């Protein structure tokens, strides 16, 4: 089997963890900035979802009572 580890003197055990944490910490900020620049963002989707849910409940009630 091949030995894929770096030589003993150059091994940085925290290097991968630090790079991963930097990636994780940066990702939500980019998505949050994109969502806030879109105007209403999630609020418009929530309003449309509530309207659609009310319409579906009204249609089911109409069919059940008809």
PDB file of N, CA and C in Angstrom:
ATOM      1  N   UNK A   1       0.838  -1.182   0.000  1.00  0.00           N
ATOM      2  CA  UNK A   1       0.000   0.000   0.000  1.00  0.00           C
ATOM      3  C   UNK A   1       0.879   1.240   0.000  1.00  0.00           C
ATOM      4  N   UNK A   2       0.405   2.283  -0.652  1.00  0.00           N
ATOM      5  CA  UNK A   2       1.174   3.517  -0.722  1.00  0.00           C
ATOM      6  C   UNK A   2       0.972   4.342   0.538  1.00  0.00           C
ATOM      7  N   UNK A   3       2.018   5.016   0.951  1.00  0.00           N
ATOM      8  CA  UNK A   3       1.952   5.893   2.109  1.00  0.00           C
ATOM      9  C   UNK A   3       1.693   7.311   1.607  1.00  0.00           C
ATOM     10  N   UNK A   4       0.473   7.837   1.823  1.00  0.00           N
ATOM     11  CA  UNK A   4       0.091   9.149   1.295  1.00  0.00           C
ATOM     12  C   UNK A   4       0.323  10.293   2.272  1.00  0.00           C
ATOM     13  N   UNK A   5       0.949  10.044   3.404  1.00  0.00           N
ATOM     14  CA  UNK A   5       1.173  11.104   4.376  1.00  0.00           C
ATOM     15  C   UNK A   5       2.429  11.880   4.025  1.00  0.00           C
ATOM     16  N   UNK A   6       2.422  13.160   4.414  1.00  0.00           N
ATOM     17  CA  UNK A   6       3.584  14.013   4.183  1.00  0.00           C
ATOM     18  C   UNK A   6       4.713  13.596   5.108  1.00  0.00           C
ATOM     19  N   UNK A   7       5.937  14.000   4.808  1.00  0.00           N
ATOM     20  CA  UNK A   7       7.046  13.691   5.711  1.00  0.00           C
ATOM     21  C   UNK A   7       6.776  14.243   7.107  1.00  0.00           C
ATOM     22  N   UNK A   8       7.369  13.616   8.103  1.00  0.00           N
ATOM     23  CA  UNK A   8       7.065  13.932   9.495  1.00  0.00           C
ATOM     24  C   UNK A   8       7.298  15.410   9.822  1.00  0.00           C
ATOM     25  N   UNK A   9       8.297  16.055   9.276  1.00  0.00           N
ATOM     26  CA  UNK A   9       8.615  17.436   9.610  1.00  0.00           C
ATOM     27  C   UNK A   9       7.667  18.452   8.990  1.00  0.00           C
ATOM     28  N   UNK A  10       6.996  18.128   7.879  1.00  0.00           N
ATOM     29  CA  UNK A  10       6.162  19.098   7.173  1.00  0.00           C
ATOM     30  C   UNK A  10       4.671  18.877   7.378  1.00  0.00           C
ATOM     31  N   UNK A  11       4.291  17.982   8.247  1.00  0.00           N
ATOM     32  CA  UNK A  11       2.874  17.643   8.416  1.00  0.00           C
ATOM     33  C   UNK A  11       2.170  18.696   9.264  1.00  0.00           C
ATOM     34  N   UNK A  12       1.083  19.272   8.745  1.00  0.00           N
ATOM     35  CA  UNK A  12       0.288  20.260   9.478  1.00  0.00           C
ATOM     36  C   UNK A  12      -1.075  19.655   9.764  1.00  0.00           C
ATOM     37  N   UNK A  13      -1.315  19.103  10.953  1.00  0.00           N
ATOM     38  CA  UNK A  13      -2.576  18.419  11.224  1.00  0.00           C
ATOM     39  C   UNK A  13      -3.787  19.354  11.229  1.00  0.00           C
ATOM     40  N   UNK A  14      -3.595  20.646  11.467  1.00  0.00           N
ATOM     41  CA  UNK A  14      -4.727  21.565  11.530  1.00  0.00           C
ATOM     42  C   UNK A  14      -4.987  22.250  10.190  1.00  0.00           C
ATOM     43  N   UNK A  15      -4.165  22.035   9.210  1.00  0.00           N
ATOM     44  CA  UNK A  15      -4.310  22.738   7.936  1.00  0.00           C
ATOM     45  C   UNK A  15      -5.641  22.478   7.263  1.00  0.00           C
ATOM     46  N   UNK A  16      -6.040  21.242   7.141  1.00  0.00           N
ATOM     47  CA  UNK A  16      -7.305  20.926   6.493  1.00  0.00           C
ATOM     48  C   UNK A  16      -8.491  21.459   7.286  1.00  0.00           C
ATOM     49  N   UNK A  17      -8.418  21.379   8.606  1.00  0.00           N
ATOM     50  CA  UNK A  17      -9.507  21.873   9.444  1.00  0.00           C
ATOM     51  C   UNK A  17      -9.648  23.380   9.289  1.00  0.00           C
ATOM     52  N   UNK A  18      -8.541  24.087   9.254  1.00  0.00           N
ATOM     53  CA  UNK A  18      -8.597  25.545   9.103  1.00  0.00           C
ATOM     54  C   UNK A  18      -9.175  25.928   7.750  1.00  0.00           C
ATOM     55  N   UNK A  19      -8.796  25.236   6.703  1.00  0.00           N
ATOM     56  CA  UNK A  19      -9.331  25.542   5.374  1.00  0.00           C
ATOM     57  C   UNK A  19     -10.824  25.236   5.325  1.00  0.00           C
ATOM     58  N   UNK A  20     -11.242  24.141   5.947  1.00  0.00           N
ATOM     59  CA  UNK A  20     -12.659  23.780   5.964  1.00  0.00           C
ATOM     60  C   UNK A  20     -13.469  24.824   6.722  1.00  0.00           C
ATOM     61  N   UNK A  21     -12.981  25.241   7.877  1.00  0.00           N
ATOM     62  CA  UNK A  21     -13.709  26.242   8.662  1.00  0.00           C
ATOM     63  C   UNK A  21     -13.796  27.560   7.911  1.00  0.00           C
ATOM     64  N   UNK A  22     -12.754  27.946   7.216  1.00  0.00           N
ATOM     65  CA  UNK A  22     -12.799  29.178   6.433  1.00  0.00           C
ATOM     66  C   UNK A  22     -13.849  29.068   5.336  1.00  0.00           C
ATOM     67  N   UNK A  23     -13.943  27.918   4.692  1.00  0.00           N
ATOM     68  CA  UNK A  23     -14.939  27.702   3.641  1.00  0.00           C
ATOM     69  C   UNK A  23     -16.349  27.751   4.219  1.00  0.00           C
ATOM     70  N   UNK A  24     -16.570  27.096   5.348  1.00  0.00           N
ATOM     71  CA  UNK A  24     -17.895  27.053   5.964  1.00  0.00           C
ATOM     72  C   UNK A  24     -18.299  28.436   6.449  1.00  0.00           C
ATOM     73  N   UNK A  25     -17.371  29.175   7.018  1.00  0.00           N
ATOM     74  CA  UNK A  25     -17.690  30.506   7.532  1.00  0.00           C
ATOM     75  C   UNK A  25     -18.004  31.489   6.412  1.00  0.00           C
ATOM     76  N   UNK A  26     -17.402  31.335   5.247  1.00  0.00           N
ATOM     77  CA  UNK A  26     -17.643  32.257   4.139  1.00  0.00           C
ATOM     78  C   UNK A  26     -18.917  31.945   3.380  1.00  0.00           C
ATOM     79  N   UNK A  27     -19.323  30.695   3.292  1.00  0.00           N
ATOM     80  CA  UNK A  27     -20.453  30.306   2.452  1.00  0.00           C
ATOM     81  C   UNK A  27     -21.774  30.957   2.860  1.00  0.00           C
ATOM     82  N   UNK A  28     -22.199  30.955   4.130  1.00  0.00           N
ATOM     83  CA  UNK A  28     -23.494  31.560   4.461  1.00  0.00           C
ATOM     84  C   UNK A  28     -23.531  33.058   4.200  1.00  0.00           C
ATOM     85  N   UNK A  29     -22.414  33.755   4.355  1.00  0.00           N
ATOM     86  CA  UNK A  29     -22.400  35.189   4.126  1.00  0.00           C
ATOM     87  C   UNK A  29     -22.703  35.506   2.672  1.00  0.00           C
ATOM     88  N   UNK A  30     -22.159  34.728   1.754  1.00  0.00           N
ATOM     89  CA  UNK A  30     -22.421  34.959   0.339  1.00  0.00           C
ATOM     90  C   UNK A  30     -23.874  34.722  -0.020  1.00  0.00           C
ATOM     91  N   UNK A  31     -24.458  33.659   0.544  1.00  0.00           N
ATOM     92  CA  UNK A  31     -25.862  33.378   0.270  1.00  0.00           C
ATOM     93  C   UNK A  31     -26.768  34.409   0.914  1.00  0.00           C
ATOM     94  N   UNK A  32     -26.411  34.885   2.093  1.00  0.00           N
ATOM     95  CA  UNK A  32     -27.241  35.861   2.784  1.00  0.00           C
ATOM     96  C   UNK A  32     -27.225  37.183   2.020  1.00  0.00           C
ATOM     97  N   UNK A  33     -26.087  37.587   1.508  1.00  0.00           N
ATOM     98  CA  UNK A  33     -26.002  38.823   0.751  1.00  0.00           C
ATOM     99  C   UNK A  33     -26.829  38.727  -0.528  1.00  0.00           C
ATOM    100  N   UNK A  34     -26.819  37.574  -1.174  1.00  0.00           N
ATOM    101  CA  UNK A  34     -27.605  37.396  -2.391  1.00  0.00           C
ATOM    102  C   UNK A  34     -29.095  37.435  -2.094  1.00  0.00           C
ATOM    103  N   UNK A  35     -29.514  36.890  -0.958  1.00  0.00           N
ATOM    104  CA  UNK A  35     -30.933  36.870  -0.610  1.00  0.00           C
ATOM    105  C   UNK A  35     -31.437  38.256  -0.245  1.00  0.00           C
ATOM    106  N   UNK A  36     -30.627  39.042   0.447  1.00  0.00           N
ATOM    107  CA  UNK A  36     -31.085  40.372   0.837  1.00  0.00           C
ATOM    108  C   UNK A  36     -31.104  41.325  -0.336  1.00  0.00           C
ATOM    109  N   UNK A  37     -30.275  41.115  -1.336  1.00  0.00           N
ATOM    110  CA  UNK A  37     -30.278  42.007  -2.489  1.00  0.00           C
ATOM    111  C   UNK A  37     -31.399  41.679  -3.464  1.00  0.00           C
ATOM    112  N   UNK A  38     -32.130  40.597  -3.237  1.00  0.00           N
ATOM    113  CA  UNK A  38     -33.202  40.197  -4.144  1.00  0.00           C
ATOM    114  C   UNK A  38     -34.511  40.919  -3.843  1.00  0.00           C
ATOM    115  N   UNK A  39     -34.526  41.828  -2.886  1.00  0.00           N
ATOM    116  CA  UNK A  39     -35.752  42.548  -2.565  1.00  0.00           C
ATOM    117  C   UNK A  39     -36.448  41.898  -1.392  1.00  0.00           C
ATOM    118  N   UNK A  40     -37.608  41.281  -1.635  1.00  0.00           N
ATOM    119  CA  UNK A  40     -38.370  40.654  -0.569  1.00  0.00           C
ATOM    120  C   UNK A  40     -37.792  39.326  -0.154  1.00  0.00           C
ATOM    121  N   UNK A  41     -37.195  38.625  -1.068  1.00  0.00           N
ATOM    122  CA  UNK A  41     -36.567  37.348  -0.752  1.00  0.00           C
ATOM    123  C   UNK A  41     -37.546  36.322  -0.232  1.00  0.00           C
ATOM    124  N   UNK A  42     -37.269  35.746   0.920  1.00  0.00           N
ATOM    125  CA  UNK A  42     -38.107  34.671   1.463  1.00  0.00           C
ATOM    126  C   UNK A  42     -39.512  35.142   1.836  1.00  0.00           C
ATOM    127  N   UNK A  43     -39.694  36.418   2.129  1.00  0.00           N
ATOM    128  CA  UNK A  43     -40.999  36.908   2.554  1.00  0.00           C
ATOM    129  C   UNK A  43     -42.024  36.761   1.420  1.00  0.00           C
ATOM    130  N   UNK A  44     -41.632  37.041   0.192  1.00  0.00           N
ATOM    131  CA  UNK A  44     -42.551  36.909  -0.942  1.00  0.00           C
ATOM    132  C   UNK A  44     -42.928  35.446  -1.142  1.00  0.00           C
ATOM    133  N   UNK A  45     -41.956  34.556  -1.021  1.00  0.00           N
ATOM    134  CA  UNK A  45     -42.238  33.129  -1.137  1.00  0.00           C
ATOM    135  C   UNK A  45     -43.175  32.641  -0.049  1.00  0.00           C
ATOM    136  N   UNK A  46     -43.011  33.159   1.150  1.00  0.00           N
ATOM    137  CA  UNK A  46     -43.888  32.773   2.258  1.00  0.00           C
ATOM    138  C   UNK A  46     -45.321  33.233   1.996  1.00  0.00           C
ATOM    139  N   UNK A  47     -45.476  34.447   1.527  1.00  0.00           N
ATOM    140  CA  UNK A  47     -46.816  34.969   1.237  1.00  0.00           C
ATOM    141  C   UNK A  47     -47.484  34.152   0.130  1.00  0.00           C
ATOM    142  N   UNK A  48     -46.736  33.867  -0.926  1.00  0.00           N
ATOM    143  CA  UNK A  48     -47.300  33.062  -2.017  1.00  0.00           C
ATOM    144  C   UNK A  48     -47.637  31.650  -1.555  1.00  0.00           C
ATOM    145  N   UNK A  49     -46.818  31.086  -0.684  1.00  0.00           N
ATOM    146  CA  UNK A  49     -47.082  29.754  -0.155  1.00  0.00           C
ATOM    147  C   UNK A  49     -48.346  29.716   0.692  1.00  0.00           C
ATOM    148  N   UNK A  50     -48.558  30.751   1.506  1.00  0.00           N
ATOM    149  CA  UNK A  50     -49.765  30.817   2.325  1.00  0.00           C
ATOM    150  C   UNK A  50     -50.997  30.962   1.446  1.00  0.00           C
ATOM    151  N   UNK A  51     -50.904  31.800   0.418  1.00  0.00           N
ATOM    152  CA  UNK A  51     -52.040  31.971  -0.505  1.00  0.00           C
ATOM    153  C   UNK A  51     -52.356  30.656  -1.210  1.00  0.00           C
ATOM    154  N   UNK A  52     -51.324  29.947  -1.650  1.00  0.00           N
ATOM    155  CA  UNK A  52     -51.533  28.667  -2.328  1.00  0.00           C
ATOM    156  C   UNK A  52     -52.154  27.646  -1.369  1.00  0.00           C
ATOM    157  N   UNK A  53     -51.699  27.624  -0.119  1.00  0.00           N
ATOM    158  CA  UNK A  53     -52.249  26.682   0.859  1.00  0.00           C
ATOM    159  C   UNK A  53     -53.719  26.981   1.134  1.00  0.00           C
ATOM    160  N   UNK A  54     -54.074  28.255   1.251  1.00  0.00           N
ATOM    161  CA  UNK A  54     -55.468  28.625   1.473  1.00  0.00           C
ATOM    162  C   UNK A  54     -56.317  28.223   0.273  1.00  0.00           C
ATOM    163  N   UNK A  55     -55.792  28.406  -0.931  1.00  0.00           N
ATOM    164  CA  UNK A  55     -56.535  28.030  -2.137  1.00  0.00           C
ATOM    165  C   UNK A  55     -56.760  26.517  -2.184  1.00  0.00           C
ATOM    166  N   UNK A  56     -55.756  25.742  -1.808  1.00  0.00           N
ATOM    167  CA  UNK A  56     -55.895  24.284  -1.826  1.00  0.00           C
ATOM    168  C   UNK A  56     -56.922  23.832  -0.781  1.00  0.00           C
ATOM    169  N   UNK A  57     -56.871  24.416   0.422  1.00  0.00           N
ATOM    170  CA  UNK A  57     -57.820  24.054   1.456  1.00  0.00           C
ATOM    171  C   UNK A  57     -59.227  24.445   1.028  1.00  0.00           C
ATOM    172  N   UNK A  58     -59.393  25.594   0.412  1.00  0.00           N
ATOM    173  CA  UNK A  58     -60.711  26.030  -0.056  1.00  0.00           C
ATOM    174  C   UNK A  58     -61.228  25.081  -1.151  1.00  0.00           C
ATOM    175  N   UNK A  59     -60.357  24.662  -2.061  1.00  0.00           N
ATOM    176  CA  UNK A  59     -60.783  23.747  -3.128  1.00  0.00           C
ATOM    177  C   UNK A  59     -61.175  22.397  -2.553  1.00  0.00           C
ATOM    178  N   UNK A  60     -60.453  21.892  -1.590  1.00  0.00           N
ATOM    179  CA  UNK A  60     -60.784  20.605  -0.979  1.00  0.00           C
ATOM    180  C   UNK A  60     -62.106  20.712  -0.225  1.00  0.00           C
ATOM    181  N   UNK A  61     -62.297  21.803   0.496  1.00  0.00           N
ATOM    182  CA  UNK A  61     -63.549  21.999   1.226  1.00  0.00           C
ATOM    183  C   UNK A  61     -64.727  22.107   0.247  1.00  0.00           C
ATOM    184  N   UNK A  62     -64.525  22.818  -0.857  1.00  0.00           N
ATOM    185  CA  UNK A  62     -65.595  22.975  -1.852  1.00  0.00           C
ATOM    186  C   UNK A  62     -65.971  21.623  -2.453  1.00  0.00           C
ATOM    187  N   UNK A  63     -64.950  20.801  -2.755  1.00  0.00           N
ATOM    188  CA  UNK A  63     -65.219  19.477  -3.320  1.00  0.00           C
ATOM    189  C   UNK A  63     -65.881  18.554  -2.286  1.00  0.00           C
ATOM    190  N   UNK A  64     -65.496  18.680  -1.039  1.00  0.00           N
ATOM    191  CA  UNK A  64     -66.082  17.815  -0.003  1.00  0.00           C
ATOM    192  C   UNK A  64     -67.533  18.170   0.286  1.00  0.00           C
ATOM    193  N   UNK A  65     -67.857  19.437   0.186  1.00  0.00           N
ATOM    194  CA  UNK A  65     -69.224  19.879   0.500  1.00  0.00           C
ATOM    195  C   UNK A  65     -70.141  19.872  -0.711  1.00  0.00           C
ATOM    196  N   UNK A  66     -69.611  19.691  -1.886  1.00  0.00           N
ATOM    197  CA  UNK A  66     -70.419  19.732  -3.104  1.00  0.00           C
ATOM    198  C   UNK A  66     -71.175  18.442  -3.324  1.00  0.00           C
TER     199      UNK A  66
END
